[in-house]
Amino acid sequence: MTKLSVSTAAGVFDAIAAGPSGGRPVLLLHGFPQTGLAWHQQIAALAARGYRVVAPDQRGYSPGVRPDRPEDYRIGTLVDDVVAITEELGWASFDLVGHDWGGAVAWWTADAHPGRVRTLSVVSTPHPGALADALRTDQDQRARSHYMIDWRETPSTEDHMLADDARQLRTIYAGKVPQDSVDAYVRHLSQPGALTAALNWYRAGRPDETIGLIDVPTMYVWSTKDTAFGPAASRATGQWVSGPYRFETLHDVSHWIPEEAPGTLNGLLLEHLRAHGE
């Protein structure tokens, strides 16, 4: 794996890359509170099969793209970042994989740019339309999502998360993420302004547009021990995909699938990519 700097009009994104330069391109989008490092086992597995894999530190996580205002983290801007990164990489089309917030960005990117996304793989995060429906109708999902309101409306969230050697931030990983990765994430998010930038994803406000059906080949992977996303939105996600769709449930696995169950996820990703090859 090599470190990569991707220069765009918005600034410079840090990234991890691996695999042959001419390999089929795959972009991996991380979530909160992580970095592209979250995908290190997927990067290795895909690169070993000849894919060209890039996992950027997204807006706010890359120091070179860390604006102060919450409105600079709206979903349309995050999608624009994906387009800008892939254009700079010279990718006319690419396979897109996302987890947590990266999964949300992946859904919206596939909706806005179906001609560029060859396949979509989303881990943990249901389709935004299915999640919105569940938030209106399912008490379980409303309870699971209440933390988002707290993080959005409490200005002192950063102080609480970073106090006492980031004790509260460390609890988010629930003991399911390797300790060396947790330490790396905490160091990264302890940089001046970094955690505020990451929380600005929650504070940016609702999307300006509605999202529609996804017509690219899609795989959605959900786990039964996910505390953020419950079964209602996850099971309804297929109703929001008009293209080929595969839904996989991992039992007794938490929200942190890429690092808790890397072997299983790697196998699913490789199967999905092979099934929808060039």
Foldseek 3Di string as FASTA:
>chain_A
DDWDWQQFPLWIWIKDKAADLPFAEEEEEEAPLAALVLQVLLRVLVRVVHHIYIYTGFALLGPGRNDQDLQCQALVNRLVVVVRRCVSSVQQAHAYEYAHVRLQSQLQNLQVCVVRHQEYEYEADFHPVLLVVCCVPPPLLVVLAVVLVVLQPPPCPVVVCPPPNRVNVLCVCVPQADPVRSVVSSVSCPPVNSVSSSSSNSNNDDHPDDGAARAHAYEYEHEPAESNDHDRSLVCRVVRHPHHYHYHYHYPDYSSCCRNPVVVVSVVVVVSDVVRDD
